[in-house]
Amino acid sequence: MVSENTAKVAPAGIAQLAFGTVAGFFALGFGSGLSPRAPGTMGSLAAIPLALLLLPLSPLAYGLLLLGAFIFGIYCCGETSRRMVVEDPGAIVWDEIVAMWLVLAFVPASWGWWLSAFLLFRLFDIAKPWPIRWLDHTIKGGFGIMLDDILAAIYAIIVLLLAQRILPI
């Protein structure tokens, strides 16, 4: 039996998806999802330098980019998971990238807040508190892959917004 995070595609085939198809390139986080250890963490880390490039965007432009990245991710993650013959393979990390961009939109652009954002997002993405775990097991396809990480991001955002009210910036 193949587990949720184990691909039926050989590692060379996964690399071919990452660098041979547009959907795979994005879904596998520009190759960061190919990490043999903690691919979700590697995808989350890959989001950070890209987020630096997004800083000059207006809030409206940033929001529209996030919405577009989410919709694009539904297609890319769904198509790549179908090709890998696995519901939600760990190598797919576009969901982590988009979710990290969302979390980072709600904190000041400083290393302390971004580190906190990263750690909280990873905590909620890994722990999957209710209803994230339930949705992760219930909603399938590209939408399901993207949705659980967005919810983990929302949990992280709530904690970070509370922290910003309490802690000096």
Protein backbone atom coordinates (compact mmCIF):
# COMPACT_ATOMS: atom_id res chain seq x y z
CA MET A 1 0.00 0.00 0.00
CA VAL A 2 1.34 3.44 -0.92
CA SER A 3 1.12 6.06 1.81
CA GLU A 4 -0.18 9.55 1.22
CA ASN A 5 3.33 11.00 1.07
CA THR A 6 4.99 8.28 -0.98
CA ALA A 7 5.00 8.67 -4.72
CA LYS A 8 4.53 5.76 -7.12
CA VAL A 9 6.88 7.60 -9.46
CA ALA A 10 10.60 6.84 -9.19
CA PRO A 11 12.77 9.72 -7.92
CA ALA A 12 14.10 10.33 -11.43
CA GLY A 13 10.50 10.59 -12.65
CA ILE A 14 9.69 13.13 -9.95
CA ALA A 15 12.68 15.22 -10.99
CA GLN A 16 11.48 14.96 -14.58
CA LEU A 17 8.07 16.29 -13.45
CA ALA A 18 9.77 19.12 -11.55
CA PHE A 19 11.91 20.23 -14.43
CA GLY A 20 10.02 18.88 -17.44
CA THR A 21 6.51 20.25 -16.94
CA VAL A 22 5.27 23.72 -16.02
CA ALA A 23 2.76 22.27 -13.53
CA GLY A 24 5.43 20.10 -11.93
CA PHE A 25 7.95 22.95 -11.79
CA PHE A 26 5.58 25.07 -9.74
CA ALA A 27 3.92 22.26 -7.76
CA LEU A 28 7.30 20.89 -6.70
CA GLY A 29 8.41 24.37 -5.63
CA PHE A 30 11.03 25.01 -8.34
CA GLY A 31 12.72 21.80 -7.14
CA SER A 32 12.59 22.51 -3.39
CA GLY A 33 10.02 19.71 -2.98
CA LEU A 34 12.62 17.21 -4.17
CA SER A 35 14.38 17.41 -0.82
CA PRO A 36 14.60 13.90 0.67
CA ARG A 37 13.99 15.35 4.15
CA ALA A 38 11.20 17.75 5.14
CA PRO A 39 10.14 18.86 1.65
CA GLY A 40 7.33 20.97 3.13
CA THR A 41 9.83 22.86 5.23
CA MET A 42 12.08 23.31 2.20
CA GLY A 43 9.13 24.68 0.21
CA SER A 44 8.28 27.06 3.04
CA LEU A 45 11.89 28.24 3.09
CA ALA A 46 11.85 28.70 -0.69
CA ALA A 47 8.90 31.07 -0.27
CA ILE A 48 10.92 33.54 1.79
CA PRO A 49 13.32 34.98 -0.82
CA LEU A 50 10.46 35.10 -3.30
CA ALA A 51 8.39 37.03 -0.72
CA LEU A 52 11.16 39.63 -0.56
CA LEU A 53 10.51 40.32 -4.24
CA LEU A 54 6.82 40.85 -3.46
CA LEU A 55 7.39 43.49 -0.76
CA PRO A 56 7.10 46.48 -3.14
CA LEU A 57 3.60 45.40 -4.24
CA SER A 58 0.57 47.29 -2.98
CA PRO A 59 -1.75 45.33 -0.67
CA LEU A 60 -4.26 45.00 -3.54
CA ALA A 61 -1.63 43.72 -5.99
CA TYR A 62 -0.25 41.33 -3.34
CA GLY A 63 -3.74 40.01 -2.62
CA LEU A 64 -4.49 39.51 -6.31
CA LEU A 65 -1.16 37.74 -6.79
CA LEU A 66 -1.99 35.42 -3.86
CA LEU A 67 -5.42 34.67 -5.28
CA GLY A 68 -3.91 33.93 -8.68
CA ALA A 69 -1.19 31.76 -7.12
CA PHE A 70 -3.86 29.84 -5.17
CA ILE A 71 -5.99 29.22 -8.28
CA PHE A 72 -2.91 28.33 -10.33
CA GLY A 73 -1.87 25.99 -7.51
CA ILE A 74 -5.17 24.11 -7.68
CA TYR A 75 -4.33 23.21 -11.27
CA CYS A 76 -0.58 22.58 -10.81
CA CYS A 77 -0.90 20.54 -7.61
CA GLY A 78 -3.86 18.55 -8.93
CA GLU A 79 -2.18 17.76 -12.23
CA THR A 80 1.14 16.84 -10.61
CA SER A 81 -0.47 14.62 -7.96
CA ARG A 82 -2.39 12.80 -10.72
CA ARG A 83 0.86 12.22 -12.62
CA MET A 84 2.53 10.98 -9.42
CA VAL A 85 -0.51 8.73 -8.73
CA VAL A 86 -0.67 9.95 -5.12
CA GLU A 87 -3.40 12.08 -3.50
CA ASP A 88 -1.14 14.61 -1.72
CA PRO A 89 2.54 13.76 -2.14
CA GLY A 90 4.96 15.45 0.22
CA ALA A 91 7.04 16.62 -2.74
CA ILE A 92 4.26 19.01 -3.77
CA VAL A 93 5.11 22.24 -1.96
CA TRP A 94 3.44 25.02 -3.96
CA ASP A 95 0.76 24.98 -1.26
CA GLU A 96 3.42 25.78 1.38
CA ILE A 97 4.87 28.55 -0.78
CA VAL A 98 1.53 30.30 -1.30
CA ALA A 99 0.56 29.84 2.35
CA MET A 100 3.88 31.33 3.52
CA TRP A 101 3.32 34.34 1.27
CA LEU A 102 -0.08 34.76 2.90
CA VAL A 103 1.34 34.61 6.43
CA LEU A 104 4.18 37.00 5.58
CA ALA A 105 1.66 39.55 4.29
CA PHE A 106 0.42 40.01 7.87
CA VAL A 107 3.71 40.64 9.67
CA PRO A 108 6.32 43.39 9.51
CA ALA A 109 9.21 42.68 7.16
CA SER A 110 11.79 41.96 9.84
CA TRP A 111 13.76 38.79 10.49
CA GLY A 112 12.13 38.18 13.90
CA TRP A 113 8.57 38.39 12.61
CA TRP A 114 9.38 36.37 9.49
CA LEU A 115 11.07 33.68 11.58
CA SER A 116 8.01 33.61 13.86
CA ALA A 117 5.75 33.40 10.80
CA PHE A 118 7.77 30.51 9.40
CA LEU A 119 7.82 28.57 12.68
CA LEU A 120 4.11 29.08 13.41
CA PHE A 121 3.07 28.15 9.89
CA ARG A 122 5.18 24.96 9.99
CA LEU A 123 3.73 24.11 13.42
CA PHE A 124 0.13 24.42 12.22
CA ASP A 125 0.86 22.76 8.87
CA ILE A 126 2.44 19.74 10.57
CA ALA A 127 0.05 19.48 13.55
CA LYS A 128 -3.06 20.09 11.42
CA PRO A 129 -5.42 21.09 14.26
CA TRP A 130 -9.17 20.77 13.71
CA PRO A 131 -10.62 21.32 11.13
CA ILE A 132 -7.46 21.24 9.02
CA ARG A 133 -6.83 17.50 9.44
CA TRP A 134 -10.47 16.69 8.70
CA LEU A 135 -10.46 18.85 5.56
CA ASP A 136 -7.10 17.37 4.51
CA HIS A 137 -8.65 13.88 4.60
CA THR A 138 -12.00 14.93 3.12
CA ILE A 139 -11.31 17.36 0.28
CA LYS A 140 -9.21 15.83 -2.48
CA GLY A 141 -7.46 17.03 -5.61
CA GLY A 142 -5.64 20.28 -6.17
CA PHE A 143 -8.16 22.27 -4.14
CA GLY A 144 -7.69 19.99 -1.14
CA ILE A 145 -3.90 20.17 -1.44
CA MET A 146 -4.03 23.97 -1.41
CA LEU A 147 -6.79 24.40 1.19
CA ASP A 148 -5.22 22.74 4.25
CA ASP A 149 -2.12 24.92 3.98
CA ILE A 150 -4.16 28.10 3.63
CA LEU A 151 -6.02 27.15 6.81
CA ALA A 152 -2.71 26.48 8.59
CA ALA A 153 -1.64 29.94 7.41
CA ILE A 154 -4.80 31.48 8.85
CA TYR A 155 -4.10 29.85 12.23
CA ALA A 156 -0.57 31.28 12.14
CA ILE A 157 -1.88 34.71 11.12
CA ILE A 158 -4.28 34.79 14.08
CA VAL A 159 -1.45 34.04 16.53
CA LEU A 160 0.84 36.56 14.86
CA LEU A 161 -1.79 39.32 14.88
CA LEU A 162 -2.40 38.70 18.58
CA ALA A 163 1.35 38.79 19.20
CA GLN A 164 1.65 42.10 17.34
CA ARG A 165 -0.94 43.64 19.68
CA ILE A 166 1.02 42.46 22.73
CA LEU A 167 4.66 42.70 21.67
CA PRO A 168 6.50 45.83 20.55
CA ILE A 169 7.40 45.84 16.88
